[in-house]
Every structure is written in C-alpha cells, then in structure tokens.
Amino acid sequence: MPGTATILIVTMFIAVDGLVVWAIRQWVKHTFAELAAAFPAGQPGPGAVSKRYQGISIDSLNFGWSFVVAADEQAVHFAPMWIARVFGARSFSVPWDAVKLQGKRRGRWFQRAKIGRWELLGPAWALKLAEGRL
C-alpha cells in the first residue's frame, strides 16, 4: 500500500473518532445543562455523607467511578470528577421530594430512581435515604 493511502486511511479514522467523541460530548453537555437547570447545584449541608468515585447513569449515559455523591437532609448532590467534567457533566442537586425510587435495588450497589423526566441509576447508600421521606 502506498504511503499516501496509509496516511489517508489513518486521517479518516482520526476524523471519524473525533466526530464521535464530539457528538458524545454534545449529548452529555445538553443532558447535564437540562439537569442543572432543573436541579441547580447546591452545597452539601453540615453532617452530609459524601463519597468519591461513585458511579451513576442518567438515561443512557453511564459514568462509572466519576462522581462525588453527597447526601444531606435536603437533597442528594452530584458533582462530576475531572473525566466527567471533560465530557461536559455538571453538578446538580436533587431535593428528596423529587426522588422517586423505582423498583428494587440492582444488586448491592445501585438503586434506580426517577428524577424529573430522567431515570437515574445511582449509589444505593445515597438513594435509600429517600425511602424514609416517601
């Protein structure tokens, strides 16, 4: 294969990969812009339980080990760590009255909940606090 053909093929692969990454980033930015508008980020209150490297899914978007999750008396707070921020994720805080638990836990670690029009799969330790408020 001539050198120019190799360069053309590599350039096409890089261009397509770049386009895919750009499209995913736009999807994430748009989703989190809507989430942040619906549930503005707040600071966790005193006595909040907070854990780093937590995984969450919002609809079809999955962020494993890339969020700091904190739960206090008023809300559950989600703050993206650096890799999620690179892809456009933003902080948001969901008041407990907006958390609607869906079904049973998924294993030991995850609980499904409905927050507004989004389906959230988040850490069971944080979302189970909503059970006492329902």
Protein backbone atom coordinates (compact mmCIF):
# COMPACT_ATOMS: atom_id res chain seq x y z
CA MET A 1 0.00 0.00 0.00
CA PRO A 2 1.46 3.40 -0.93
CA GLY A 3 2.28 5.86 1.85
CA THR A 4 -0.42 8.32 0.79
CA ALA A 5 -3.13 5.66 1.08
CA THR A 6 -1.98 4.81 4.60
CA ILE A 7 -1.99 8.48 5.56
CA LEU A 8 -5.48 8.90 4.08
CA ILE A 9 -6.86 5.88 5.96
CA VAL A 10 -5.34 6.97 9.28
CA THR A 11 -6.65 10.52 8.76
CA MET A 12 -10.15 9.18 8.08
CA PHE A 13 -10.10 7.05 11.24
CA ILE A 14 -8.94 10.02 13.32
CA ALA A 15 -11.60 12.27 11.79
CA VAL A 16 -14.41 9.77 12.43
CA ASP A 17 -13.21 9.12 16.00
CA GLY A 18 -13.05 12.86 16.62
CA LEU A 19 -16.57 13.30 15.30
CA VAL A 20 -17.89 10.52 17.55
CA VAL A 21 -16.20 11.98 20.64
CA TRP A 22 -17.55 15.46 19.77
CA ALA A 23 -21.10 14.08 19.35
CA ILE A 24 -20.96 12.24 22.69
CA ARG A 25 -19.66 15.36 24.41
CA GLN A 26 -22.51 17.43 22.95
CA TRP A 27 -25.04 14.85 24.15
CA VAL A 28 -23.56 14.88 27.67
CA LYS A 29 -23.38 18.70 27.77
CA HIS A 30 -27.00 19.04 26.65
CA THR A 31 -28.29 16.45 29.15
CA PHE A 32 -26.40 17.98 32.07
CA ALA A 33 -27.36 21.53 31.10
CA GLU A 34 -31.01 20.46 31.38
CA LEU A 35 -30.35 18.65 34.67
CA ALA A 36 -28.51 21.62 36.16
CA ALA A 37 -31.34 23.95 35.09
CA ALA A 38 -33.99 21.67 36.64
CA PHE A 39 -31.95 20.88 39.78
CA PRO A 40 -29.42 23.67 40.47
CA ALA A 41 -26.30 22.61 42.32
CA GLY A 42 -26.12 23.38 45.99
CA GLN A 43 -23.54 22.85 48.68
CA PRO A 44 -23.97 19.80 50.89
CA GLY A 45 -25.06 20.80 54.36
CA PRO A 46 -23.24 20.11 57.59
CA GLY A 47 -23.29 16.46 58.50
CA ALA A 48 -23.69 15.35 54.88
CA VAL A 49 -22.38 11.91 53.98
CA SER A 50 -20.10 12.20 50.96
CA LYS A 51 -18.28 9.57 48.89
CA ARG A 52 -15.94 9.94 45.93
CA TYR A 53 -15.59 7.66 42.92
CA GLN A 54 -19.29 6.85 42.69
CA GLY A 55 -20.94 5.61 39.52
CA ILE A 56 -24.19 6.98 38.13
CA SER A 57 -26.23 6.54 34.97
CA ILE A 58 -28.64 9.09 33.61
CA ASP A 59 -30.91 7.61 30.98
CA SER A 60 -28.40 6.04 28.54
CA LEU A 61 -25.34 7.92 29.79
CA ASN A 62 -23.13 5.93 32.16
CA PHE A 63 -20.42 7.47 34.36
CA GLY A 64 -18.65 4.80 36.38
CA TRP A 65 -16.44 5.93 39.24
CA SER A 66 -16.53 9.55 38.14
CA PHE A 67 -18.84 11.41 40.56
CA VAL A 68 -18.74 12.68 44.11
CA VAL A 69 -22.11 11.99 45.70
CA ALA A 70 -23.22 13.66 48.93
CA ALA A 71 -26.49 13.22 50.81
CA ASP A 72 -27.82 15.57 53.45
CA GLU A 73 -31.21 16.41 54.98
CA GLN A 74 -32.42 18.44 51.98
CA ALA A 75 -31.03 16.76 48.87
CA VAL A 76 -28.67 14.37 47.18
CA HIS A 77 -25.81 16.22 45.48
CA PHE A 78 -23.91 15.02 42.41
CA ALA A 79 -20.58 16.61 41.46
CA PRO A 80 -18.59 15.30 38.47
CA MET A 81 -14.94 14.46 38.85
CA TRP A 82 -12.42 15.56 36.20
CA ILE A 83 -13.12 12.98 33.46
CA ALA A 84 -16.88 13.56 33.60
CA ARG A 85 -16.28 17.34 33.52
CA VAL A 86 -14.10 16.90 30.41
CA PHE A 87 -17.11 15.32 28.70
CA GLY A 88 -19.42 18.15 29.80
CA ALA A 89 -21.03 16.85 33.00
CA ARG A 90 -22.13 19.49 35.52
CA SER A 91 -23.05 19.44 39.20
CA PHE A 92 -26.66 19.16 40.25
CA SER A 93 -28.59 18.65 43.50
CA VAL A 94 -31.88 16.79 43.63
CA PRO A 95 -34.22 17.59 46.54
CA TRP A 96 -35.55 14.49 48.26
CA ASP A 97 -39.15 15.21 47.28
CA ALA A 98 -38.12 14.97 43.59
CA VAL A 99 -36.56 11.49 44.03
CA LYS A 100 -39.00 8.70 43.16
CA LEU A 101 -37.49 5.27 43.78
CA GLN A 102 -38.17 2.70 41.05
CA GLY A 103 -38.30 -0.98 41.96
CA LYS A 104 -35.74 -2.90 43.94
CA ARG A 105 -32.04 -2.33 44.25
CA ARG A 106 -29.82 -3.59 41.45
CA GLY A 107 -27.50 -5.78 43.43
CA ARG A 108 -25.80 -4.36 46.47
CA TRP A 109 -24.64 -1.14 44.99
CA PHE A 110 -27.23 0.54 42.78
CA GLN A 111 -30.77 1.87 43.11
CA ARG A 112 -32.95 3.09 40.25
CA ALA A 113 -34.85 6.35 40.71
CA LYS A 114 -36.83 8.82 38.64
CA ILE A 115 -35.78 12.46 38.98
CA GLY A 116 -37.94 14.75 36.91
CA ARG A 117 -38.04 13.28 33.40
CA TRP A 118 -34.72 11.43 33.81
CA GLU A 119 -34.06 7.93 35.02
CA LEU A 120 -31.12 7.79 37.41
CA LEU A 121 -29.20 4.72 38.47
CA GLY A 122 -27.15 5.80 41.44
CA PRO A 123 -25.47 4.60 44.61
CA ALA A 124 -27.91 2.72 46.82
CA TRP A 125 -26.38 4.11 50.01
CA ALA A 126 -27.40 7.65 48.98
CA LEU A 127 -30.74 6.96 47.32
CA LYS A 128 -32.03 4.69 50.10
CA LEU A 129 -32.23 7.81 52.26
CA ALA A 130 -35.23 8.79 50.12
CA GLU A 131 -37.19 5.77 51.40
CA GLY A 132 -37.87 7.39 54.75
CA ARG A 133 -39.15 10.53 53.03
CA LEU A 134 -41.71 8.87 50.73
